């Protein structure tokens, strides 16, 4: 597992799982699931800091960043009133979504994370979604894809792998139930 984009040919991978609309022209991308984003924090962080009620309130919080996001310091939200972008700042940046999740669980601040990473933490109360009435946007994309090289005959192992995930995640991924 790796958070960087791998070169399927150069590095010898059969399949990559990616969250981006921008795929290499020499690959096939099959949509597996939607990506939903949540601004979230640990309950112990929220006990020490005022709960944000609007996106602008995040300017007064320690926001934690995923360094692979194109614009990690500007978070975007949509509400019935339209879209809002807010500049946030914080003391922690990391290049791995699981490490970011761990920092949020430890109460270091608020992070914007995909629900496939934190769905069970939100469901079990280890994390709390903030600004839940707003739809948070991540900059990676809105879907997860299986990416592989086009061949005349797709290998049975690649076909089985991709078909398994299409079936497992459809119509709504388990982490968002």
Protein backbone atom coordinates (compact mmCIF):
# COMPACT_ATOMS: atom_id res chain seq x y z
CA UNK A 1 0.00 0.00 0.00
CA UNK A 2 1.28 3.39 -0.95
CA UNK A 3 -0.23 6.89 -1.12
CA UNK A 4 1.82 7.94 -4.13
CA UNK A 5 0.83 7.32 -7.74
CA UNK A 6 2.75 4.29 -8.98
CA UNK A 7 3.77 3.59 -12.56
CA UNK A 8 2.03 0.33 -13.41
CA UNK A 9 4.50 -0.64 -16.14
CA UNK A 10 7.77 0.55 -14.60
CA UNK A 11 7.00 -0.83 -11.13
CA UNK A 12 5.26 -4.03 -12.22
CA UNK A 13 1.83 -3.49 -10.67
CA UNK A 14 -1.25 -5.25 -12.02
CA UNK A 15 -3.79 -2.83 -10.51
CA UNK A 16 -3.70 0.47 -8.66
CA UNK A 17 -6.53 1.93 -6.59
CA UNK A 18 -6.71 5.69 -7.13
CA UNK A 19 -8.85 8.66 -6.19
CA UNK A 20 -8.42 10.89 -9.18
CA UNK A 21 -10.24 11.74 -12.36
CA UNK A 22 -6.91 12.23 -14.14
CA UNK A 23 -5.63 8.88 -15.34
CA UNK A 24 -2.72 8.15 -17.65
CA UNK A 25 -3.81 7.79 -21.25
CA UNK A 26 -2.39 4.27 -21.43
CA UNK A 27 -4.60 2.94 -18.61
CA UNK A 28 -8.18 1.82 -18.04
CA UNK A 29 -9.97 3.27 -15.00
CA UNK A 30 -13.04 1.48 -13.62
CA UNK A 31 -15.09 3.32 -11.03
CA UNK A 32 -15.40 1.39 -7.77
CA UNK A 33 -17.09 3.76 -5.31
CA UNK A 34 -17.87 7.36 -4.51
CA UNK A 35 -15.59 9.29 -2.16
CA UNK A 36 -17.26 11.36 0.54
CA UNK A 37 -15.24 13.69 2.74
CA UNK A 38 -15.72 14.61 6.38
CA UNK A 39 -14.18 17.31 8.54
CA UNK A 40 -13.66 15.47 11.79
CA UNK A 41 -12.02 15.63 15.19
CA UNK A 42 -11.65 13.48 18.28
CA UNK A 43 -14.11 14.14 21.12
CA UNK A 44 -11.19 15.06 23.43
CA UNK A 45 -10.08 17.80 20.99
CA UNK A 46 -13.63 19.17 20.84
CA UNK A 47 -13.83 19.25 24.66
CA UNK A 48 -10.81 21.58 24.70
CA UNK A 49 -11.88 23.76 21.75
CA UNK A 50 -15.12 25.41 20.67
CA UNK A 51 -17.12 23.35 18.18
CA UNK A 52 -16.99 24.98 14.73
CA UNK A 53 -20.49 25.98 13.59
CA UNK A 54 -19.54 27.40 10.18
CA UNK A 55 -16.54 26.83 7.88
CA UNK A 56 -14.98 30.19 8.85
CA UNK A 57 -14.74 28.93 12.45
CA UNK A 58 -12.03 26.52 11.26
CA UNK A 59 -9.66 29.51 11.02
CA UNK A 60 -9.41 29.37 14.84
CA UNK A 61 -8.59 25.65 14.94
CA UNK A 62 -5.49 23.53 14.48
CA UNK A 63 -6.21 21.88 11.13
CA UNK A 64 -4.21 18.85 10.10
CA UNK A 65 -3.16 18.32 6.49
CA UNK A 66 -2.66 15.57 3.98
CA UNK A 67 0.28 16.77 1.88
CA UNK A 68 -0.83 15.05 -1.35
CA UNK A 69 -3.91 17.27 -1.59
CA UNK A 70 -3.47 19.92 -4.26
CA UNK A 71 -4.50 22.78 -1.96
CA UNK A 72 -4.43 21.40 1.54
CA UNK A 73 -4.73 24.82 3.23
CA UNK A 74 -8.00 25.74 1.49
CA UNK A 75 -10.97 23.61 2.42
CA UNK A 76 -14.23 23.85 0.48
CA UNK A 77 -17.75 23.16 1.72
CA UNK A 78 -21.19 23.29 0.14
CA UNK A 79 -24.44 24.11 1.90
CA UNK A 80 -27.90 25.09 0.63
CA UNK A 81 -26.55 28.67 0.57
CA UNK A 82 -23.77 27.77 -1.87
CA UNK A 83 -20.07 26.96 -1.79
CA UNK A 84 -17.65 28.33 0.80
CA UNK A 85 -13.86 28.15 0.72
CA UNK A 86 -11.90 28.77 3.90
CA UNK A 87 -8.15 29.15 4.46
CA UNK A 88 -7.07 26.96 7.34
CA UNK A 89 -3.76 26.51 9.11
CA UNK A 90 -2.25 24.00 11.44
CA UNK A 91 0.83 22.39 12.88
CA UNK A 92 0.78 18.93 11.30
CA UNK A 93 1.20 17.76 7.71
CA UNK A 94 1.71 14.15 6.65
CA UNK A 95 1.77 12.22 3.37
CA UNK A 96 -0.21 9.19 4.53
CA UNK A 97 -3.96 9.12 5.19
CA UNK A 98 -3.67 6.50 7.96
CA UNK A 99 -1.07 8.61 9.79
CA UNK A 100 -3.38 11.63 9.47
CA UNK A 101 -6.24 9.56 10.88
CA UNK A 102 -4.08 8.55 13.85
CA UNK A 103 -3.18 12.20 14.55
CA UNK A 104 -6.86 13.14 14.55
CA UNK A 105 -7.69 10.19 16.84
CA UNK A 106 -5.01 11.42 19.28
CA UNK A 107 -6.76 14.80 19.49
CA UNK A 108 -4.20 16.93 17.63
CA UNK A 109 -6.81 18.85 15.62
CA UNK A 110 -9.40 18.77 12.85
CA UNK A 111 -8.74 17.07 9.51
CA UNK A 112 -10.54 16.66 6.22
CA UNK A 113 -10.56 12.91 5.55
CA UNK A 114 -12.37 10.54 3.21
CA UNK A 115 -15.06 8.49 4.91
CA UNK A 116 -13.50 5.24 3.69
CA UNK A 117 -10.65 6.07 6.10
CA UNK A 118 -12.75 7.25 9.07
CA UNK A 119 -16.23 5.75 8.51
CA UNK A 120 -15.96 3.22 11.33
CA UNK A 121 -14.40 5.82 13.67
CA UNK A 122 -17.35 8.17 13.06
CA UNK A 123 -19.86 5.36 13.50
CA UNK A 124 -18.24 4.15 16.75
CA UNK A 125 -17.78 7.64 18.25
CA UNK A 126 -13.98 7.68 18.21
CA UNK A 127 -14.26 10.69 15.89
CA UNK A 128 -16.96 13.29 15.50
CA UNK A 129 -17.88 14.95 12.23
CA UNK A 130 -17.87 18.73 12.46
CA UNK A 131 -19.86 20.96 10.13
CA UNK A 132 -22.01 17.95 9.21
CA UNK A 133 -24.65 20.18 7.64
CA UNK A 134 -22.04 21.17 5.04
CA UNK A 135 -20.75 18.85 2.34
CA UNK A 136 -16.96 18.82 2.47
CA UNK A 137 -14.94 18.56 -0.74
CA UNK A 138 -11.61 16.83 -1.16
CA UNK A 139 -9.41 17.86 -4.04
CA UNK A 140 -8.43 14.35 -5.15
CA UNK A 141 -11.73 13.56 -6.76
CA UNK A 142 -15.12 12.20 -6.00
CA UNK A 143 -14.63 8.54 -6.90
CA UNK A 144 -12.29 5.61 -6.27
CA UNK A 145 -11.05 3.80 -9.36
CA UNK A 146 -9.29 0.55 -10.13
CA UNK A 147 -6.65 1.41 -12.72
CA UNK A 148 -4.99 -1.17 -14.92
CA UNK A 149 -3.31 -1.51 -18.28
CA UNK A 150 -5.53 -2.20 -21.28
CA UNK A 151 -4.97 -5.61 -22.80
CA UNK A 152 -6.89 -7.59 -25.34
CA UNK A 153 -7.59 -10.25 -22.71
CA UNK A 154 -7.69 -9.04 -19.13
CA UNK A 155 -5.99 -11.54 -16.83
CA UNK A 156 -8.39 -13.57 -14.64
CA UNK A 157 -6.71 -12.34 -11.43
CA UNK A 158 -7.15 -8.66 -12.39
CA UNK A 159 -10.73 -9.23 -13.55
CA UNK A 160 -11.60 -11.10 -10.32
CA UNK A 161 -9.94 -8.42 -8.15
CA UNK A 162 -11.74 -5.53 -9.85
CA UNK A 163 -15.10 -7.34 -10.07
CA UNK A 164 -14.91 -8.20 -6.36
CA UNK A 165 -14.50 -4.54 -5.40
CA UNK A 166 -17.19 -3.32 -7.79
CA UNK A 167 -19.63 -5.76 -6.18
CA UNK A 168 -18.40 -5.10 -2.61
CA UNK A 169 -18.79 -1.33 -2.85
CA UNK A 170 -21.98 -1.04 -4.94
CA UNK A 171 -24.43 0.57 -4.75
CA UNK A 172 -23.26 2.31 -1.56
CA UNK A 173 -19.88 1.51 0.01
CA UNK A 174 -20.00 -0.21 3.40
CA UNK A 175 -18.08 2.61 5.08
CA UNK A 176 -20.89 5.09 4.35
CA UNK A 177 -23.72 2.88 5.61
